Amino acid sequence: MTPGRLDYAIAALACAGLLAFGYYLQYFEDQVPCPLCLVQRGFYVLVLLVFGAAALHAPGRAGALAYSLVGAALAAGGAAVAARQVWLQHLPPEHVPPCGPDLYYMLENLPLARVLEKLFAGSGQCAEVHWRFLGLSIAEWSLACFVLLALYALWLAWRARSA
């Protein structure tokens, strides 16, 4: 049996909920997102768009496999960025890179290739932890969510392949 609309909608709604919570933390809890946080948000938006499109499209076997694999690849990309941030957060303080300019400054003053390089590298701001839930930072929760989304997408791909 190929994955149905609800299967894809679940993943899309999960991404929407995670993004909403991120905006809640930003605007109501004063948690300013670092560059790596913004990149992760971008990956959540892309995963949401892929699974939202799949939910609207209700694809057949080949389409379900394609949507699922693209969703898994994007979730894996988000997991890689989150893992980078978790790594930065666990560095000894003397090894943390210096804080850099904010995203808006970089976009206005640097070439796009340099902005992307700086975004993916992270900075000292990305190593700061100001919020925890059950002992995990936002980046650690994000890593766990991306891994779960990737596994879910691979499960959907397996269902589509074996249909």
C-alpha atoms as a PDB file:
ATOM      1  CA  MET A   1       0.000   0.000   0.000  1.00  0.00           C
ATOM      2  CA  THR A   2       1.430   3.389  -0.988  1.00  0.00           C
ATOM      3  CA  PRO A   3       1.473   6.168   1.609  1.00  0.00           C
ATOM      4  CA  GLY A   4      -1.707   8.222   1.626  1.00  0.00           C
ATOM      5  CA  ARG A   5      -2.370  11.905   2.016  1.00  0.00           C
ATOM      6  CA  LEU A   6      -2.629  11.627   5.800  1.00  0.00           C
ATOM      7  CA  ASP A   7       0.830  10.017   6.016  1.00  0.00           C
ATOM      8  CA  TYR A   8       2.374  13.013   4.284  1.00  0.00           C
ATOM      9  CA  ALA A   9       0.175  15.529   6.099  1.00  0.00           C
ATOM     10  CA  ILE A  10       1.440  14.188   9.453  1.00  0.00           C
ATOM     11  CA  ALA A  11       5.038  15.065   8.533  1.00  0.00           C
ATOM     12  CA  ALA A  12       4.021  18.447   7.089  1.00  0.00           C
ATOM     13  CA  LEU A  13       2.044  19.300  10.242  1.00  0.00           C
ATOM     14  CA  ALA A  14       4.956  18.214  12.429  1.00  0.00           C
ATOM     15  CA  CYS A  15       7.233  20.642  10.563  1.00  0.00           C
ATOM     16  CA  ALA A  16       4.637  23.403  10.844  1.00  0.00           C
ATOM     17  CA  GLY A  17       4.372  22.787  14.581  1.00  0.00           C
ATOM     18  CA  LEU A  18       8.143  22.857  15.018  1.00  0.00           C
ATOM     19  CA  LEU A  19       8.392  26.106  13.061  1.00  0.00           C
ATOM     20  CA  ALA A  20       5.549  27.622  15.089  1.00  0.00           C
ATOM     21  CA  PHE A  21       7.309  26.663  18.311  1.00  0.00           C
ATOM     22  CA  GLY A  22      10.542  28.209  17.021  1.00  0.00           C
ATOM     23  CA  TYR A  23       8.723  31.461  16.289  1.00  0.00           C
ATOM     24  CA  TYR A  24       7.075  31.307  19.713  1.00  0.00           C
ATOM     25  CA  LEU A  25      10.506  30.992  21.345  1.00  0.00           C
ATOM     26  CA  GLN A  26      11.793  33.880  19.243  1.00  0.00           C
ATOM     27  CA  TYR A  27       8.952  36.331  19.705  1.00  0.00           C
ATOM     28  CA  PHE A  28       7.580  35.436  23.139  1.00  0.00           C
ATOM     29  CA  GLU A  29      10.583  33.994  24.977  1.00  0.00           C
ATOM     30  CA  ASP A  30      13.199  36.348  23.432  1.00  0.00           C
ATOM     31  CA  GLN A  31      15.328  33.532  22.017  1.00  0.00           C
ATOM     32  CA  VAL A  32      17.159  35.162  19.111  1.00  0.00           C
ATOM     33  CA  PRO A  33      17.936  32.541  16.433  1.00  0.00           C
ATOM     34  CA  CYS A  34      21.569  32.118  15.456  1.00  0.00           C
ATOM     35  CA  PRO A  35      22.682  31.588  11.833  1.00  0.00           C
ATOM     36  CA  LEU A  36      22.556  27.786  12.139  1.00  0.00           C
ATOM     37  CA  CYS A  37      19.067  28.029  13.659  1.00  0.00           C
ATOM     38  CA  LEU A  38      17.934  30.007  10.614  1.00  0.00           C
ATOM     39  CA  VAL A  39      19.401  27.397   8.262  1.00  0.00           C
ATOM     40  CA  GLN A  40      17.555  24.678  10.191  1.00  0.00           C
ATOM     41  CA  ARG A  41      14.331  26.661   9.841  1.00  0.00           C
ATOM     42  CA  GLY A  42      14.951  26.723   6.117  1.00  0.00           C
ATOM     43  CA  PHE A  43      15.261  22.936   6.064  1.00  0.00           C
ATOM     44  CA  TYR A  44      12.033  22.591   8.087  1.00  0.00           C
ATOM     45  CA  VAL A  45      10.270  24.809   5.540  1.00  0.00           C
ATOM     46  CA  LEU A  46      11.594  22.704   2.649  1.00  0.00           C
ATOM     47  CA  VAL A  47      10.542  19.435   4.314  1.00  0.00           C
ATOM     48  CA  LEU A  48       7.132  20.966   5.027  1.00  0.00           C
ATOM     49  CA  LEU A  49       6.767  22.001   1.373  1.00  0.00           C
ATOM     50  CA  VAL A  50       7.728  18.544   0.080  1.00  0.00           C
ATOM     51  CA  PHE A  51       5.391  16.663   2.383  1.00  0.00           C
ATOM     52  CA  GLY A  52       2.650  19.287   1.988  1.00  0.00           C
ATOM     53  CA  ALA A  53       2.864  18.914  -1.787  1.00  0.00           C
ATOM     54  CA  ALA A  54       2.742  15.136  -1.442  1.00  0.00           C
ATOM     55  CA  ALA A  55      -0.331  15.386   0.799  1.00  0.00           C
ATOM     56  CA  LEU A  56      -2.086  17.582  -1.768  1.00  0.00           C
ATOM     57  CA  HIS A  57      -0.914  15.535  -4.751  1.00  0.00           C
ATOM     58  CA  ALA A  58      -1.653  12.039  -3.375  1.00  0.00           C
ATOM     59  CA  PRO A  59       0.990  10.492  -5.670  1.00  0.00           C
ATOM     60  CA  GLY A  60       1.139   6.981  -6.994  1.00  0.00           C
ATOM     61  CA  ARG A  61       3.946   4.536  -6.275  1.00  0.00           C
ATOM     62  CA  ALA A  62       6.741   6.336  -8.165  1.00  0.00           C
ATOM     63  CA  GLY A  63       5.700   9.780  -6.942  1.00  0.00           C
ATOM     64  CA  ALA A  64       5.388   8.566  -3.358  1.00  0.00           C
ATOM     65  CA  LEU A  65       8.881   7.125  -3.548  1.00  0.00           C
ATOM     66  CA  ALA A  66      10.251  10.395  -4.994  1.00  0.00           C
ATOM     67  CA  TYR A  67       8.532  12.634  -2.430  1.00  0.00           C
ATOM     68  CA  SER A  68       9.661  10.399   0.411  1.00  0.00           C
ATOM     69  CA  LEU A  69      13.283  10.241  -0.707  1.00  0.00           C
ATOM     70  CA  VAL A  70      13.460  14.000  -1.276  1.00  0.00           C
ATOM     71  CA  GLY A  71      11.902  14.550   2.151  1.00  0.00           C
ATOM     72  CA  ALA A  72      14.421  12.155   3.713  1.00  0.00           C
ATOM     73  CA  ALA A  73      17.338  13.914   1.996  1.00  0.00           C
ATOM     74  CA  LEU A  74      16.171  17.344   3.178  1.00  0.00           C
ATOM     75  CA  ALA A  75      15.633  16.059   6.725  1.00  0.00           C
ATOM     76  CA  ALA A  76      19.138  14.562   6.630  1.00  0.00           C
ATOM     77  CA  GLY A  77      20.493  17.950   5.535  1.00  0.00           C
ATOM     78  CA  GLY A  78      18.727  19.602   8.449  1.00  0.00           C
ATOM     79  CA  ALA A  79      20.109  16.934  10.785  1.00  0.00           C
ATOM     80  CA  ALA A  80      23.627  17.672   9.547  1.00  0.00           C
ATOM     81  CA  VAL A  81      23.212  21.386  10.314  1.00  0.00           C
ATOM     82  CA  ALA A  82      21.711  20.626  13.735  1.00  0.00           C
ATOM     83  CA  ALA A  83      24.557  18.192  14.450  1.00  0.00           C
ATOM     84  CA  ARG A  84      27.053  20.933  13.608  1.00  0.00           C
ATOM     85  CA  GLN A  85      25.360  23.222  16.117  1.00  0.00           C
ATOM     86  CA  VAL A  86      25.266  20.508  18.788  1.00  0.00           C
ATOM     87  CA  TRP A  87      28.995  19.954  18.193  1.00  0.00           C
ATOM     88  CA  LEU A  88      29.648  23.693  18.605  1.00  0.00           C
ATOM     89  CA  GLN A  89      27.644  23.709  21.832  1.00  0.00           C
ATOM     90  CA  HIS A  90      29.778  20.946  23.284  1.00  0.00           C
ATOM     91  CA  LEU A  91      33.150  22.511  22.450  1.00  0.00           C
ATOM     92  CA  PRO A  92      35.289  23.775  25.318  1.00  0.00           C
ATOM     93  CA  PRO A  93      34.836  27.565  25.633  1.00  0.00           C
ATOM     94  CA  GLU A  94      38.381  28.288  24.402  1.00  0.00           C
ATOM     95  CA  HIS A  95      37.683  26.425  21.129  1.00  0.00           C
ATOM     96  CA  VAL A  96      34.370  28.106  20.276  1.00  0.00           C
ATOM     97  CA  PRO A  97      34.658  30.299  17.159  1.00  0.00           C
ATOM     98  CA  PRO A  98      34.123  34.030  17.645  1.00  0.00           C
ATOM     99  CA  CYS A  99      30.652  35.508  17.151  1.00  0.00           C
ATOM    100  CA  GLY A 100      30.102  36.965  13.719  1.00  0.00           C
ATOM    101  CA  PRO A 101      27.752  39.563  12.244  1.00  0.00           C
ATOM    102  CA  ASP A 102      24.031  38.828  12.030  1.00  0.00           C
ATOM    103  CA  LEU A 103      22.395  37.421   8.909  1.00  0.00           C
ATOM    104  CA  TYR A 104      20.911  40.710   7.731  1.00  0.00           C
ATOM    105  CA  TYR A 105      24.281  42.451   7.853  1.00  0.00           C
ATOM    106  CA  MET A 106      25.930  39.587   5.960  1.00  0.00           C
ATOM    107  CA  LEU A 107      23.242  39.572   3.254  1.00  0.00           C
ATOM    108  CA  GLU A 108      23.640  43.302   2.701  1.00  0.00           C
ATOM    109  CA  ASN A 109      27.455  43.379   2.708  1.00  0.00           C
ATOM    110  CA  LEU A 110      28.831  40.018   1.572  1.00  0.00           C
ATOM    111  CA  PRO A 111      28.531  37.966  -1.619  1.00  0.00           C
ATOM    112  CA  LEU A 112      25.981  35.142  -1.357  1.00  0.00           C
ATOM    113  CA  ALA A 113      28.640  32.407  -1.479  1.00  0.00           C
ATOM    114  CA  ARG A 114      30.407  33.960   1.520  1.00  0.00           C
ATOM    115  CA  VAL A 115      27.096  34.326   3.400  1.00  0.00           C
ATOM    116  CA  LEU A 116      26.310  30.630   2.853  1.00  0.00           C
ATOM    117  CA  GLU A 117      29.809  29.664   3.963  1.00  0.00           C
ATOM    118  CA  LYS A 118      29.465  31.697   7.164  1.00  0.00           C
ATOM    119  CA  LEU A 119      25.944  30.393   7.826  1.00  0.00           C
ATOM    120  CA  PHE A 120      26.969  26.753   7.624  1.00  0.00           C
ATOM    121  CA  ALA A 121      30.136  27.297   9.646  1.00  0.00           C
ATOM    122  CA  GLY A 122      28.274  28.745  12.610  1.00  0.00           C
ATOM    123  CA  SER A 123      29.699  31.115  15.191  1.00  0.00           C
ATOM    124  CA  GLY A 124      30.053  31.614  18.904  1.00  0.00           C
ATOM    125  CA  GLN A 125      26.430  32.702  18.994  1.00  0.00           C
ATOM    126  CA  CYS A 126      25.498  29.206  17.736  1.00  0.00           C
ATOM    127  CA  ALA A 127      27.366  27.646  20.660  1.00  0.00           C
ATOM    128  CA  GLU A 128      25.362  29.517  23.290  1.00  0.00           C
ATOM    129  CA  VAL A 129      22.578  27.616  25.051  1.00  0.00           C
ATOM    130  CA  HIS A 130      19.889  29.783  26.640  1.00  0.00           C
ATOM    131  CA  TRP A 131      16.995  27.318  26.769  1.00  0.00           C
ATOM    132  CA  ARG A 132      16.690  23.650  27.671  1.00  0.00           C
ATOM    133  CA  PHE A 133      13.840  21.192  27.940  1.00  0.00           C
ATOM    134  CA  LEU A 134      14.389  17.830  29.622  1.00  0.00           C
ATOM    135  CA  GLY A 135      18.105  18.602  29.637  1.00  0.00           C
ATOM    136  CA  LEU A 136      18.388  19.096  25.854  1.00  0.00           C
ATOM    137  CA  SER A 137      19.086  22.342  24.020  1.00  0.00           C
ATOM    138  CA  ILE A 138      17.016  23.570  21.100  1.00  0.00           C
ATOM    139  CA  ALA A 139      19.698  22.289  18.702  1.00  0.00           C
ATOM    140  CA  GLU A 140      19.637  18.839  20.302  1.00  0.00           C
ATOM    141  CA  TRP A 141      15.840  18.715  20.044  1.00  0.00           C
ATOM    142  CA  SER A 142      16.082  19.873  16.442  1.00  0.00           C
ATOM    143  CA  LEU A 143      18.596  17.132  15.661  1.00  0.00           C
ATOM    144  CA  ALA A 144      16.268  14.530  17.181  1.00  0.00           C
ATOM    145  CA  CYS A 145      13.309  15.882  15.196  1.00  0.00           C
ATOM    146  CA  PHE A 146      15.224  15.888  11.913  1.00  0.00           C
ATOM    147  CA  VAL A 147      16.370  12.304  12.514  1.00  0.00           C
ATOM    148  CA  LEU A 148      12.782  11.252  13.239  1.00  0.00           C
ATOM    149  CA  LEU A 149      11.541  13.044  10.114  1.00  0.00           C
ATOM    150  CA  ALA A 150      14.223  11.355   8.001  1.00  0.00           C
ATOM    151  CA  LEU A 151      13.360   7.925   9.430  1.00  0.00           C
ATOM    152  CA  TYR A 152       9.653   8.561   8.873  1.00  0.00           C
ATOM    153  CA  ALA A 153      10.347   9.617   5.270  1.00  0.00           C
ATOM    154  CA  LEU A 154      12.437   6.473   4.695  1.00  0.00           C
ATOM    155  CA  TRP A 155       9.616   4.379   6.145  1.00  0.00           C
ATOM    156  CA  LEU A 156       7.213   6.064   3.705  1.00  0.00           C
ATOM    157  CA  ALA A 157       9.649   5.341   0.867  1.00  0.00           C
ATOM    158  CA  TRP A 158       9.856   1.697   1.928  1.00  0.00           C
ATOM    159  CA  ARG A 159       6.042   1.482   1.972  1.00  0.00           C
ATOM    160  CA  ALA A 160       5.855   3.037  -1.482  1.00  0.00           C
ATOM    161  CA  ARG A 161       8.560   0.733  -2.845  1.00  0.00           C
ATOM    162  CA  SER A 162       6.969  -2.429  -1.500  1.00  0.00           C
ATOM    163  CA  ALA A 163       3.469  -1.486  -2.751  1.00  0.00           C
END
